[in-house]
Amino acid sequence: MSPAVKYTLGRLGLFVVVFALLLPVPLAFLVKAMIALLASAAFSYFLLAKWRNEMAEQLGTVAERRQAEKARLRAALAGDEAAAAAGDRATPGPASSTAEAQDAAAAKGDKAS
């Protein structure tokens, strides 16, 4: 299970537990909900620290990957063919280019006639 899902479910679970504990208390529904929200936030800071750190690491990894992909795309748009070929899964290899592929197709077409 994803660390973000675990942490979110943990926060939600803490809220539900605190709210359930506040049900017998004679307060308005929204006041109970606000108290449960604040208390569950405080409890989650201590009780869910491990899951929060795992989620932060996962989000950091995703952010680094997106930054690398963004840099590769910018380099490809700037004309760096090596950067474009590094992220393109459709090309057979870095040695082939569009012009070479067109020349090869034209040569095959000449041989067929």
PDB file of N, CA and C in Angstrom:
ATOM      1  N   MET A   1       0.839  -1.170   0.000  1.00  0.00           N
ATOM      2  CA  MET A   1       0.000   0.000   0.000  1.00  0.00           C
ATOM      3  C   MET A   1       0.889   1.241   0.000  1.00  0.00           C
ATOM      4  N   SER A   2       0.466   2.242  -0.717  1.00  0.00           N
ATOM      5  CA  SER A   2       1.216   3.475  -0.834  1.00  0.00           C
ATOM      6  C   SER A   2       1.325   4.177   0.520  1.00  0.00           C
ATOM      7  N   PRO A   3       2.478   4.774   0.812  1.00  0.00           N
ATOM      8  CA  PRO A   3       2.616   5.499   2.083  1.00  0.00           C
ATOM      9  C   PRO A   3       1.612   6.648   2.224  1.00  0.00           C
ATOM     10  N   ALA A   4       1.278   7.290   1.112  1.00  0.00           N
ATOM     11  CA  ALA A   4       0.301   8.383   1.170  1.00  0.00           C
ATOM     12  C   ALA A   4      -1.082   7.859   1.546  1.00  0.00           C
ATOM     13  N   VAL A   5      -1.442   6.697   1.025  1.00  0.00           N
ATOM     14  CA  VAL A   5      -2.744   6.108   1.351  1.00  0.00           C
ATOM     15  C   VAL A   5      -2.762   5.677   2.817  1.00  0.00           C
ATOM     16  N   LYS A   6      -1.675   5.050   3.277  1.00  0.00           N
ATOM     17  CA  LYS A   6      -1.611   4.632   4.678  1.00  0.00           C
ATOM     18  C   LYS A   6      -1.757   5.835   5.615  1.00  0.00           C
ATOM     19  N   TYR A   7      -1.031   6.902   5.320  1.00  0.00           N
ATOM     20  CA  TYR A   7      -1.066   8.080   6.181  1.00  0.00           C
ATOM     21  C   TYR A   7      -2.452   8.725   6.164  1.00  0.00           C
ATOM     22  N   THR A   8      -3.056   8.825   4.994  1.00  0.00           N
ATOM     23  CA  THR A   8      -4.381   9.430   4.876  1.00  0.00           C
ATOM     24  C   THR A   8      -5.416   8.609   5.635  1.00  0.00           C
ATOM     25  N   LEU A   9      -5.366   7.288   5.474  1.00  0.00           N
ATOM     26  CA  LEU A   9      -6.301   6.435   6.206  1.00  0.00           C
ATOM     27  C   LEU A   9      -6.051   6.497   7.716  1.00  0.00           C
ATOM     28  N   GLY A  10      -4.791   6.621   8.111  1.00  0.00           N
ATOM     29  CA  GLY A  10      -4.472   6.761   9.529  1.00  0.00           C
ATOM     30  C   GLY A  10      -5.032   8.042  10.112  1.00  0.00           C
ATOM     31  N   ARG A  11      -4.901   9.143   9.361  1.00  0.00           N
ATOM     32  CA  ARG A  11      -5.458  10.425   9.821  1.00  0.00           C
ATOM     33  C   ARG A  11      -6.973  10.340   9.929  1.00  0.00           C
ATOM     34  N   LEU A  12      -7.595   9.743   8.925  1.00  0.00           N
ATOM     35  CA  LEU A  12      -9.042   9.605   8.933  1.00  0.00           C
ATOM     36  C   LEU A  12      -9.496   8.715  10.097  1.00  0.00           C
ATOM     37  N   GLY A  13      -8.767   7.637  10.320  1.00  0.00           N
ATOM     38  CA  GLY A  13      -9.088   6.743  11.427  1.00  0.00           C
ATOM     39  C   GLY A  13      -8.976   7.427  12.779  1.00  0.00           C
ATOM     40  N   LEU A  14      -7.938   8.222  12.960  1.00  0.00           N
ATOM     41  CA  LEU A  14      -7.797   8.955  14.216  1.00  0.00           C
ATOM     42  C   LEU A  14      -8.953   9.931  14.414  1.00  0.00           C
ATOM     43  N   PHE A  15      -9.355  10.599  13.349  1.00  0.00           N
ATOM     44  CA  PHE A  15     -10.484  11.523  13.451  1.00  0.00           C
ATOM     45  C   PHE A  15     -11.746  10.791  13.880  1.00  0.00           C
ATOM     46  N   VAL A  16     -11.998   9.652  13.238  1.00  0.00           N
ATOM     47  CA  VAL A  16     -13.211   8.886  13.560  1.00  0.00           C
ATOM     48  C   VAL A  16     -13.177   8.407  15.011  1.00  0.00           C
ATOM     49  N   VAL A  17     -12.031   7.942  15.479  1.00  0.00           N
ATOM     50  CA  VAL A  17     -11.919   7.460  16.863  1.00  0.00           C
ATOM     51  C   VAL A  17     -12.170   8.599  17.846  1.00  0.00           C
ATOM     52  N   VAL A  18     -11.532   9.743  17.624  1.00  0.00           N
ATOM     53  CA  VAL A  18     -11.709  10.871  18.552  1.00  0.00           C
ATOM     54  C   VAL A  18     -13.159  11.362  18.502  1.00  0.00           C
ATOM     55  N   PHE A  19     -13.726  11.429  17.300  1.00  0.00           N
ATOM     56  CA  PHE A  19     -15.122  11.879  17.184  1.00  0.00           C
ATOM     57  C   PHE A  19     -16.059  10.906  17.901  1.00  0.00           C
ATOM     58  N   ALA A  20     -15.801   9.620  17.768  1.00  0.00           N
ATOM     59  CA  ALA A  20     -16.641   8.621  18.440  1.00  0.00           C
ATOM     60  C   ALA A  20     -16.534   8.754  19.956  1.00  0.00           C
ATOM     61  N   LEU A  21     -15.343   9.081  20.445  1.00  0.00           N
ATOM     62  CA  LEU A  21     -15.174   9.277  21.885  1.00  0.00           C
ATOM     63  C   LEU A  21     -15.912  10.521  22.378  1.00  0.00           C
ATOM     64  N   LEU A  22     -16.105  11.489  21.482  1.00  0.00           N
ATOM     65  CA  LEU A  22     -16.788  12.726  21.868  1.00  0.00           C
ATOM     66  C   LEU A  22     -18.307  12.650  21.726  1.00  0.00           C
ATOM     67  N   LEU A  23     -18.852  11.573  21.178  1.00  0.00           N
ATOM     68  CA  LEU A  23     -20.297  11.477  20.966  1.00  0.00           C
ATOM     69  C   LEU A  23     -21.114  11.613  22.256  1.00  0.00           C
ATOM     70  N   PRO A  24     -20.702  10.991  23.369  1.00  0.00           N
ATOM     71  CA  PRO A  24     -21.519  11.141  24.590  1.00  0.00           C
ATOM     72  C   PRO A  24     -21.438  12.546  25.215  1.00  0.00           C
ATOM     73  N   VAL A  25     -20.468  13.343  24.816  1.00  0.00           N
ATOM     74  CA  VAL A  25     -20.311  14.674  25.411  1.00  0.00           C
ATOM     75  C   VAL A  25     -21.412  15.594  24.876  1.00  0.00           C
ATOM     76  N   PRO A  26     -22.078  16.336  25.746  1.00  0.00           N
ATOM     77  CA  PRO A  26     -23.186  17.197  25.298  1.00  0.00           C
ATOM     78  C   PRO A  26     -22.691  18.502  24.659  1.00  0.00           C
ATOM     79  N   LEU A  27     -22.268  18.402  23.410  1.00  0.00           N
ATOM     80  CA  LEU A  27     -21.833  19.571  22.634  1.00  0.00           C
ATOM     81  C   LEU A  27     -22.510  19.526  21.276  1.00  0.00           C
ATOM     82  N   ALA A  28     -22.459  20.638  20.580  1.00  0.00           N
ATOM     83  CA  ALA A  28     -23.015  20.679  19.233  1.00  0.00           C
ATOM     84  C   ALA A  28     -22.185  19.789  18.311  1.00  0.00           C
ATOM     85  N   PHE A  29     -22.840  19.298  17.263  1.00  0.00           N
ATOM     86  CA  PHE A  29     -22.180  18.379  16.320  1.00  0.00           C
ATOM     87  C   PHE A  29     -20.921  19.001  15.711  1.00  0.00           C
ATOM     88  N   LEU A  30     -21.020  20.253  15.240  1.00  0.00           N
ATOM     89  CA  LEU A  30     -19.865  20.903  14.605  1.00  0.00           C
ATOM     90  C   LEU A  30     -18.734  21.170  15.599  1.00  0.00           C
ATOM     91  N   VAL A  31     -19.071  21.456  16.826  1.00  0.00           N
ATOM     92  CA  VAL A  31     -18.034  21.663  17.854  1.00  0.00           C
ATOM     93  C   VAL A  31     -17.287  20.357  18.095  1.00  0.00           C
ATOM     94  N   LYS A  32     -18.034  19.252  18.169  1.00  0.00           N
ATOM     95  CA  LYS A  32     -17.392  17.943  18.323  1.00  0.00           C
ATOM     96  C   LYS A  32     -16.476  17.651  17.136  1.00  0.00           C
ATOM     97  N   ALA A  33     -16.943  17.963  15.934  1.00  0.00           N
ATOM     98  CA  ALA A  33     -16.143  17.717  14.730  1.00  0.00           C
ATOM     99  C   ALA A  33     -14.869  18.558  14.744  1.00  0.00           C
ATOM    100  N   MET A  34     -14.987  19.818  15.165  1.00  0.00           N
ATOM    101  CA  MET A  34     -13.790  20.683  15.211  1.00  0.00           C
ATOM    102  C   MET A  34     -12.800  20.190  16.263  1.00  0.00           C
ATOM    103  N   ILE A  35     -13.293  19.796  17.411  1.00  0.00           N
ATOM    104  CA  ILE A  35     -12.410  19.263  18.460  1.00  0.00           C
ATOM    105  C   ILE A  35     -11.750  17.980  17.984  1.00  0.00           C
ATOM    106  N   ALA A  36     -12.528  17.111  17.343  1.00  0.00           N
ATOM    107  CA  ALA A  36     -11.972  15.857  16.820  1.00  0.00           C
ATOM    108  C   ALA A  36     -10.909  16.142  15.762  1.00  0.00           C
ATOM    109  N   LEU A  37     -11.144  17.132  14.917  1.00  0.00           N
ATOM    110  CA  LEU A  37     -10.167  17.479  13.880  1.00  0.00           C
ATOM    111  C   LEU A  37      -8.857  17.966  14.488  1.00  0.00           C
ATOM    112  N   LEU A  38      -8.944  18.855  15.444  1.00  0.00           N
ATOM    113  CA  LEU A  38      -7.733  19.380  16.089  1.00  0.00           C
ATOM    114  C   LEU A  38      -7.005  18.300  16.885  1.00  0.00           C
ATOM    115  N   ALA A  39      -7.762  17.497  17.625  1.00  0.00           N
ATOM    116  CA  ALA A  39      -7.139  16.445  18.435  1.00  0.00           C
ATOM    117  C   ALA A  39      -6.497  15.382  17.539  1.00  0.00           C
ATOM    118  N   SER A  40      -7.172  15.003  16.468  1.00  0.00           N
ATOM    119  CA  SER A  40      -6.594  13.983  15.584  1.00  0.00           C
ATOM    120  C   SER A  40      -5.345  14.508  14.880  1.00  0.00           C
ATOM    121  N   ALA A  41      -5.309  15.800  14.580  1.00  0.00           N
ATOM    122  CA  ALA A  41      -4.101  16.380  13.983  1.00  0.00           C
ATOM    123  C   ALA A  41      -2.935  16.313  14.972  1.00  0.00           C
ATOM    124  N   ALA A  42      -3.210  16.632  16.237  1.00  0.00           N
ATOM    125  CA  ALA A  42      -2.157  16.575  17.254  1.00  0.00           C
ATOM    126  C   ALA A  42      -1.691  15.132  17.482  1.00  0.00           C
ATOM    127  N   PHE A  43      -2.630  14.200  17.562  1.00  0.00           N
ATOM    128  CA  PHE A  43      -2.263  12.800  17.756  1.00  0.00           C
ATOM    129  C   PHE A  43      -1.484  12.251  16.560  1.00  0.00           C
ATOM    130  N   SER A  44      -1.888  12.652  15.367  1.00  0.00           N
ATOM    131  CA  SER A  44      -1.212  12.132  14.176  1.00  0.00           C
ATOM    132  C   SER A  44       0.234  12.626  14.096  1.00  0.00           C
ATOM    133  N   TYR A  45       0.493  13.799  14.646  1.00  0.00           N
ATOM    134  CA  TYR A  45       1.867  14.316  14.634  1.00  0.00           C
ATOM    135  C   TYR A  45       2.805  13.359  15.365  1.00  0.00           C
ATOM    136  N   PHE A  46       2.332  12.772  16.431  1.00  0.00           N
ATOM    137  CA  PHE A  46       3.166  11.863  17.209  1.00  0.00           C
ATOM    138  C   PHE A  46       2.997  10.401  16.790  1.00  0.00           C
ATOM    139  N   LEU A  47       1.757   9.974  16.591  1.00  0.00           N
ATOM    140  CA  LEU A  47       1.492   8.563  16.332  1.00  0.00           C
ATOM    141  C   LEU A  47       1.792   8.128  14.896  1.00  0.00           C
ATOM    142  N   LEU A  48       1.689   9.036  13.940  1.00  0.00           N
ATOM    143  CA  LEU A  48       1.867   8.673  12.531  1.00  0.00           C
ATOM    144  C   LEU A  48       3.135   9.276  11.926  1.00  0.00           C
ATOM    145  N   ALA A  49       4.126   9.554  12.753  1.00  0.00           N
ATOM    146  CA  ALA A  49       5.360  10.186  12.263  1.00  0.00           C
ATOM    147  C   ALA A  49       6.081   9.296  11.248  1.00  0.00           C
ATOM    148  N   LYS A  50       6.110   8.001  11.483  1.00  0.00           N
ATOM    149  CA  LYS A  50       6.804   7.084  10.574  1.00  0.00           C
ATOM    150  C   LYS A  50       6.139   7.091   9.196  1.00  0.00           C
ATOM    151  N   TRP A  51       4.817   6.992   9.172  1.00  0.00           N
ATOM    152  CA  TRP A  51       4.102   6.990   7.893  1.00  0.00           C
ATOM    153  C   TRP A  51       4.236   8.336   7.181  1.00  0.00           C
ATOM    154  N   ARG A  52       4.259   9.433   7.968  1.00  0.00           N
ATOM    155  CA  ARG A  52       4.417  10.760   7.381  1.00  0.00           C
ATOM    156  C   ARG A  52       5.795  10.891   6.729  1.00  0.00           C
ATOM    157  N   ASN A  53       6.819  10.360   7.381  1.00  0.00           N
ATOM    158  CA  ASN A  53       8.169  10.411   6.801  1.00  0.00           C
ATOM    159  C   ASN A  53       8.275   9.545   5.545  1.00  0.00           C
ATOM    160  N   GLU A  54       7.626   8.376   5.556  1.00  0.00           N
ATOM    161  CA  GLU A  54       7.616   7.528   4.357  1.00  0.00           C
ATOM    162  C   GLU A  54       6.930   8.243   3.193  1.00  0.00           C
ATOM    163  N   MET A  55       5.825   8.921   3.492  1.00  0.00           N
ATOM    164  CA  MET A  55       5.103   9.640   2.456  1.00  0.00           C
ATOM    165  C   MET A  55       5.955  10.798   1.919  1.00  0.00           C
ATOM    166  N   ALA A  56       6.664  11.486   2.792  1.00  0.00           N
ATOM    167  CA  ALA A  56       7.520  12.593   2.360  1.00  0.00           C
ATOM    168  C   ALA A  56       8.642  12.085   1.457  1.00  0.00           C
ATOM    169  N   GLU A  57       9.225  10.934   1.794  1.00  0.00           N
ATOM    170  CA  GLU A  57      10.270  10.352   0.939  1.00  0.00           C
ATOM    171  C   GLU A  57       9.712   9.987  -0.429  1.00  0.00           C
ATOM    172  N   GLN A  58       8.522   9.398  -0.451  1.00  0.00           N
ATOM    173  CA  GLN A  58       7.907   9.026  -1.725  1.00  0.00           C
ATOM    174  C   GLN A  58       7.632  10.267  -2.572  1.00  0.00           C
ATOM    175  N   LEU A  59       7.093  11.301  -1.962  1.00  0.00           N
ATOM    176  CA  LEU A  59       6.806  12.527  -2.703  1.00  0.00           C
ATOM    177  C   LEU A  59       8.091  13.194  -3.189  1.00  0.00           C
ATOM    178  N   GLY A  60       9.153  13.121  -2.391  1.00  0.00           N
ATOM    179  CA  GLY A  60      10.443  13.670  -2.820  1.00  0.00           C
ATOM    180  C   GLY A  60      11.004  12.924  -4.018  1.00  0.00           C
ATOM    181  N   THR A  61      10.886  11.609  -4.019  1.00  0.00           N
ATOM    182  CA  THR A  61      11.354  10.798  -5.145  1.00  0.00           C
ATOM    183  C   THR A  61      10.572  11.129  -6.410  1.00  0.00           C
ATOM    184  N   VAL A  62       9.267  11.260  -6.273  1.00  0.00           N
ATOM    185  CA  VAL A  62       8.433  11.596  -7.430  1.00  0.00           C
ATOM    186  C   VAL A  62       8.796  12.978  -7.959  1.00  0.00           C
ATOM    187  N   ALA A  63       9.034  13.925  -7.060  1.00  0.00           N
ATOM    188  CA  ALA A  63       9.397  15.282  -7.480  1.00  0.00           C
ATOM    189  C   ALA A  63      10.735  15.291  -8.218  1.00  0.00           C
ATOM    190  N   GLU A  64      11.707  14.528  -7.720  1.00  0.00           N
ATOM    191  CA  GLU A  64      13.009  14.449  -8.397  1.00  0.00           C
ATOM    192  C   GLU A  64      12.869  13.843  -9.790  1.00  0.00           C
ATOM    193  N   ARG A  65      12.061  12.793  -9.902  1.00  0.00           N
ATOM    194  CA  ARG A  65      11.843  12.148 -11.197  1.00  0.00           C
ATOM    195  C   ARG A  65      11.172  13.110 -12.182  1.00  0.00           C
ATOM    196  N   ARG A  66      10.198  13.876 -11.683  1.00  0.00           N
ATOM    197  CA  ARG A  66       9.514  14.834 -12.554  1.00  0.00           C
ATOM    198  C   ARG A  66      10.452  15.957 -12.979  1.00  0.00           C
ATOM    199  N   GLN A  67      11.325  16.404 -12.084  1.00  0.00           N
ATOM    200  CA  GLN A  67      12.284  17.447 -12.440  1.00  0.00           C
ATOM    201  C   GLN A  67      13.262  16.945 -13.490  1.00  0.00           C
ATOM    202  N   ALA A  68      13.708  15.697 -13.359  1.00  0.00           N
ATOM    203  CA  ALA A  68      14.629  15.130 -14.342  1.00  0.00           C
ATOM    204  C   ALA A  68      13.949  15.002 -15.700  1.00  0.00           C
ATOM    205  N   GLU A  69      12.691  14.567 -15.701  1.00  0.00           N
ATOM    206  CA  GLU A  69      11.951  14.447 -16.959  1.00  0.00           C
ATOM    207  C   GLU A  69      11.718  15.816 -17.583  1.00  0.00           C
ATOM    208  N   LYS A  70      11.442  16.811 -16.758  1.00  0.00           N
ATOM    209  CA  LYS A  70      11.240  18.175 -17.250  1.00  0.00           C
ATOM    210  C   LYS A  70      12.530  18.716 -17.871  1.00  0.00           C
ATOM    211  N   ALA A  71      13.657  18.468 -17.221  1.00  0.00           N
ATOM    212  CA  ALA A  71      14.942  18.911 -17.766  1.00  0.00           C
ATOM    213  C   ALA A  71      15.250  18.200 -19.077  1.00  0.00           C
ATOM    214  N   ARG A  72      14.931  16.898 -19.161  1.00  0.00           N
ATOM    215  CA  ARG A  72      15.168  16.158 -20.391  1.00  0.00           C
ATOM    216  C   ARG A  72      14.301  16.688 -21.518  1.00  0.00           C
ATOM    217  N   LEU A  73      13.048  16.969 -21.228  1.00  0.00           N
ATOM    218  CA  LEU A  73      12.158  17.503 -22.251  1.00  0.00           C
ATOM    219  C   LEU A  73      12.600  18.885 -22.720  1.00  0.00           C
ATOM    220  N   ARG A  74      13.040  19.722 -21.783  1.00  0.00           N
ATOM    221  CA  ARG A  74      13.524  21.056 -22.177  1.00  0.00           C
ATOM    222  C   ARG A  74      14.770  20.946 -23.049  1.00  0.00           C
ATOM    223  N   ALA A  75      15.664  20.020 -22.702  1.00  0.00           N
ATOM    224  CA  ALA A  75      16.862  19.825 -23.517  1.00  0.00           C
ATOM    225  C   ALA A  75      16.481  19.311 -24.897  1.00  0.00           C
ATOM    226  N   ALA A  76      15.513  18.427 -24.960  1.00  0.00           N
ATOM    227  CA  ALA A  76      15.071  17.901 -26.251  1.00  0.00           C
ATOM    228  C   ALA A  76      14.440  19.004 -27.091  1.00  0.00           C
ATOM    229  N   LEU A  77      13.664  19.876 -26.470  1.00  0.00           N
ATOM    230  CA  LEU A  77      13.060  20.986 -27.201  1.00  0.00           C
ATOM    231  C   LEU A  77      14.109  21.999 -27.655  1.00  0.00           C
ATOM    232  N   ALA A  78      15.205  22.084 -26.919  1.00  0.00           N
ATOM    233  CA  ALA A  78      16.283  22.997 -27.284  1.00  0.00           C
ATOM    234  C   ALA A  78      17.153  22.427 -28.395  1.00  0.00           C
ATOM    235  N   GLY A  79      16.937  21.178 -28.759  1.00  0.00           N
ATOM    236  CA  GLY A  79      17.680  20.589 -29.868  1.00  0.00           C
ATOM    237  C   GLY A  79      18.711  19.562 -29.474  1.00  0.00           C
ATOM    238  N   ASP A  80      18.777  19.173 -28.245  1.00  0.00           N
ATOM    239  CA  ASP A  80      19.730  18.157 -27.803  1.00  0.00           C
ATOM    240  C   ASP A  80      19.167  16.787 -28.171  1.00  0.00           C
ATOM    241  N   GLU A  81      19.669  16.195 -29.247  1.00  0.00           N
ATOM    242  CA  GLU A  81      19.139  14.919 -29.734  1.00  0.00           C
ATOM    243  C   GLU A  81      19.415  13.768 -28.778  1.00  0.00           C
ATOM    244  N   ALA A  82      20.539  13.820 -28.074  1.00  0.00           N
ATOM    245  CA  ALA A  82      20.855  12.748 -27.122  1.00  0.00           C
ATOM    246  C   ALA A  82      19.829  12.723 -25.988  1.00  0.00           C
ATOM    247  N   ALA A  83      19.426  13.904 -25.533  1.00  0.00           N
ATOM    248  CA  ALA A  83      18.422  13.970 -24.470  1.00  0.00           C
ATOM    249  C   ALA A  83      17.078  13.489 -24.979  1.00  0.00           C
ATOM    250  N   ALA A  84      16.771  13.820 -26.217  1.00  0.00           N
ATOM    251  CA  ALA A  84      15.506  13.376 -26.791  1.00  0.00           C
ATOM    252  C   ALA A  84      15.481  11.862 -26.941  1.00  0.00           C
ATOM    253  N   ALA A  85      16.592  11.271 -27.385  1.00  0.00           N
ATOM    254  CA  ALA A  85      16.653   9.824 -27.578  1.00  0.00           C
ATOM    255  C   ALA A  85      16.673   9.080 -26.244  1.00  0.00           C
ATOM    256  N   ALA A  86      17.188   9.708 -25.193  1.00  0.00           N
ATOM    257  CA  ALA A  86      17.279   9.052 -23.886  1.00  0.00           C
ATOM    258  C   ALA A  86      15.898   8.771 -23.303  1.00  0.00           C
ATOM    259  N   GLY A  87      14.923   9.613 -23.598  1.00  0.00           N
ATOM    260  CA  GLY A  87      13.613   9.410 -23.022  1.00  0.00           C
ATOM    261  C   GLY A  87      12.596   8.865 -23.987  1.00  0.00           C
ATOM    262  N   ASP A  88      12.976   8.688 -25.238  1.00  0.00           N
ATOM    263  CA  ASP A  88      12.027   8.224 -26.245  1.00  0.00           C
ATOM    264  C   ASP A  88      12.068   6.714 -26.318  1.00  0.00           C
ATOM    265  N   ARG A  89      10.984   6.076 -25.923  1.00  0.00           N
ATOM    266  CA  ARG A  89      10.957   4.612 -25.918  1.00  0.00           C
ATOM    267  C   ARG A  89      10.559   4.056 -27.274  1.00  0.00           C
ATOM    268  N   ALA A  90      10.101   4.914 -28.192  1.00  0.00           N
ATOM    269  CA  ALA A  90       9.624   4.442 -29.482  1.00  0.00           C
ATOM    270  C   ALA A  90      10.746   4.298 -30.505  1.00  0.00           C
ATOM    271  N   THR A  91      11.846   5.001 -30.309  1.00  0.00           N
ATOM    272  CA  THR A  91      12.930   4.910 -31.279  1.00  0.00           C
ATOM    273  C   THR A  91      13.738   3.647 -31.048  1.00  0.00           C
ATOM    274  N   PRO A  92      14.229   3.010 -32.126  1.00  0.00           N
ATOM    275  CA  PRO A  92      14.982   1.772 -31.965  1.00  0.00           C
ATOM    276  C   PRO A  92      16.344   1.973 -31.308  1.00  0.00           C
ATOM    277  N   GLY A  93      16.948   3.102 -31.451  1.00  0.00           N
ATOM    278  CA  GLY A  93      18.247   3.326 -30.836  1.00  0.00           C
ATOM    279  C   GLY A  93      18.732   4.719 -31.136  1.00  0.00           C
ATOM    280  N   PRO A  94      19.815   5.159 -30.489  1.00  0.00           N
ATOM    281  CA  PRO A  94      20.288   6.517 -30.688  1.00  0.00           C
ATOM    282  C   PRO A  94      20.940   6.728 -32.055  1.00  0.00           C
ATOM    283  N   ALA A  95      21.341   5.672 -32.744  1.00  0.00           N
ATOM    284  CA  ALA A  95      22.026   5.832 -34.019  1.00  0.00           C
ATOM    285  C   ALA A  95      21.073   6.207 -35.146  1.00  0.00           C
ATOM    286  N   SER A  96      19.809   5.841 -35.029  1.00  0.00           N
ATOM    287  CA  SER A  96      18.878   6.129 -36.116  1.00  0.00           C
ATOM    288  C   SER A  96      18.269   7.506 -35.932  1.00  0.00           C
ATOM    289  N   SER A  97      18.070   8.189 -37.029  1.00  0.00           N
ATOM    290  CA  SER A  97      17.407   9.480 -37.003  1.00  0.00           C
ATOM    291  C   SER A  97      16.295   9.465 -38.028  1.00  0.00           C
ATOM    292  N   THR A  98      15.498  10.474 -38.005  1.00  0.00           N
ATOM    293  CA  THR A  98      14.369  10.534 -38.930  1.00  0.00           C
ATOM    294  C   THR A  98      14.854  10.609 -40.369  1.00  0.00           C
ATOM    295  N   ALA A  99      15.891  11.401 -40.610  1.00  0.00           N
ATOM    296  CA  ALA A  99      16.413  11.533 -41.973  1.00  0.00           C
ATOM    297  C   ALA A  99      16.969  10.202 -42.468  1.00  0.00           C
ATOM    298  N   GLU A 100      17.691   9.484 -41.601  1.00  0.00           N
ATOM    299  CA  GLU A 100      18.242   8.189 -42.000  1.00  0.00           C
ATOM    300  C   GLU A 100      17.122   7.194 -42.282  1.00  0.00           C
ATOM    301  N   ALA A 101      16.064   7.229 -41.488  1.00  0.00           N
ATOM    302  CA  ALA A 101      14.941   6.326 -41.699  1.00  0.00           C
ATOM    303  C   ALA A 101      14.230   6.643 -43.013  1.00  0.00           C
ATOM    304  N   GLN A 102      14.116   7.921 -43.330  1.00  0.00           N
ATOM    305  CA  GLN A 102      13.484   8.310 -44.590  1.00  0.00           C
ATOM    306  C   GLN A 102      14.347   7.897 -45.778  1.00  0.00           C
ATOM    307  N   ASP A 103      15.672   8.059 -45.657  1.00  0.00           N
ATOM    308  CA  ASP A 103      16.578   7.640 -46.739  1.00  0.00           C
ATOM    309  C   ASP A 103      16.496   6.131 -46.965  1.00  0.00           C
ATOM    310  N   ALA A 104      16.424   5.374 -45.872  1.00  0.00           N
ATOM    311  CA  ALA A 104      16.345   3.919 -45.993  1.00  0.00           C
ATOM    312  C   ALA A 104      15.021   3.512 -46.632  1.00  0.00           C
ATOM    313  N   ALA A 105      13.935   4.196 -46.270  1.00  0.00           N
ATOM    314  CA  ALA A 105      12.637   3.885 -46.854  1.00  0.00           C
ATOM    315  C   ALA A 105      12.633   4.230 -48.345  1.00  0.00           C
ATOM    316  N   ALA A 106      13.269   5.334 -48.719  1.00  0.00           N
ATOM    317  CA  ALA A 106      13.328   5.723 -50.124  1.00  0.00           C
ATOM    318  C   ALA A 106      14.172   4.734 -50.905  1.00  0.00           C
ATOM    319  N   ALA A 107      15.254   4.244 -50.310  1.00  0.00           N
ATOM    320  CA  ALA A 107      16.109   3.274 -50.998  1.00  0.00           C
ATOM    321  C   ALA A 107      15.351   1.975 -51.212  1.00  0.00           C
ATOM    322  N   LYS A 108      14.564   1.541 -50.247  1.00  0.00           N
ATOM    323  CA  LYS A 108      13.750   0.329 -50.402  1.00  0.00           C
ATOM    324  C   LYS A 108      12.702   0.532 -51.488  1.00  0.00           C
ATOM    325  N   GLY A 109      12.148   1.712 -51.556  1.00  0.00           N
ATOM    326  CA  GLY A 109      11.145   2.013 -52.561  1.00  0.00           C
ATOM    327  C   GLY A 109      11.738   1.970 -53.957  1.00  0.00           C
ATOM    328  N   ASP A 110      12.999   2.418 -54.130  1.00  0.00           N
ATOM    329  CA  ASP A 110      13.668   2.398 -55.432  1.00  0.00           C
ATOM    330  C   ASP A 110      13.965   0.973 -55.860  1.00  0.00           C
ATOM    331  N   LYS A 111      14.354   0.115 -54.907  1.00  0.00           N
ATOM    332  CA  LYS A 111      14.681  -1.260 -55.217  1.00  0.00           C
ATOM    333  C   LYS A 111      13.430  -2.041 -55.617  1.00  0.00           C
ATOM    334  N   ALA A 112      12.284  -1.691 -54.998  1.00  0.00           N
ATOM    335  CA  ALA A 112      11.042  -2.422 -55.284  1.00  0.00           C
ATOM    336  C   ALA A 112      10.510  -2.113 -56.675  1.00  0.00           C
ATOM    337  N   SER A 113      10.838  -0.951 -57.287  1.00  0.00           N
ATOM    338  CA  SER A 113      10.279  -0.607 -58.589  1.00  0.00           C
ATOM    339  C   SER A 113      11.015  -1.193 -59.739  1.00  0.00           C
TER     340      SER A 113
END
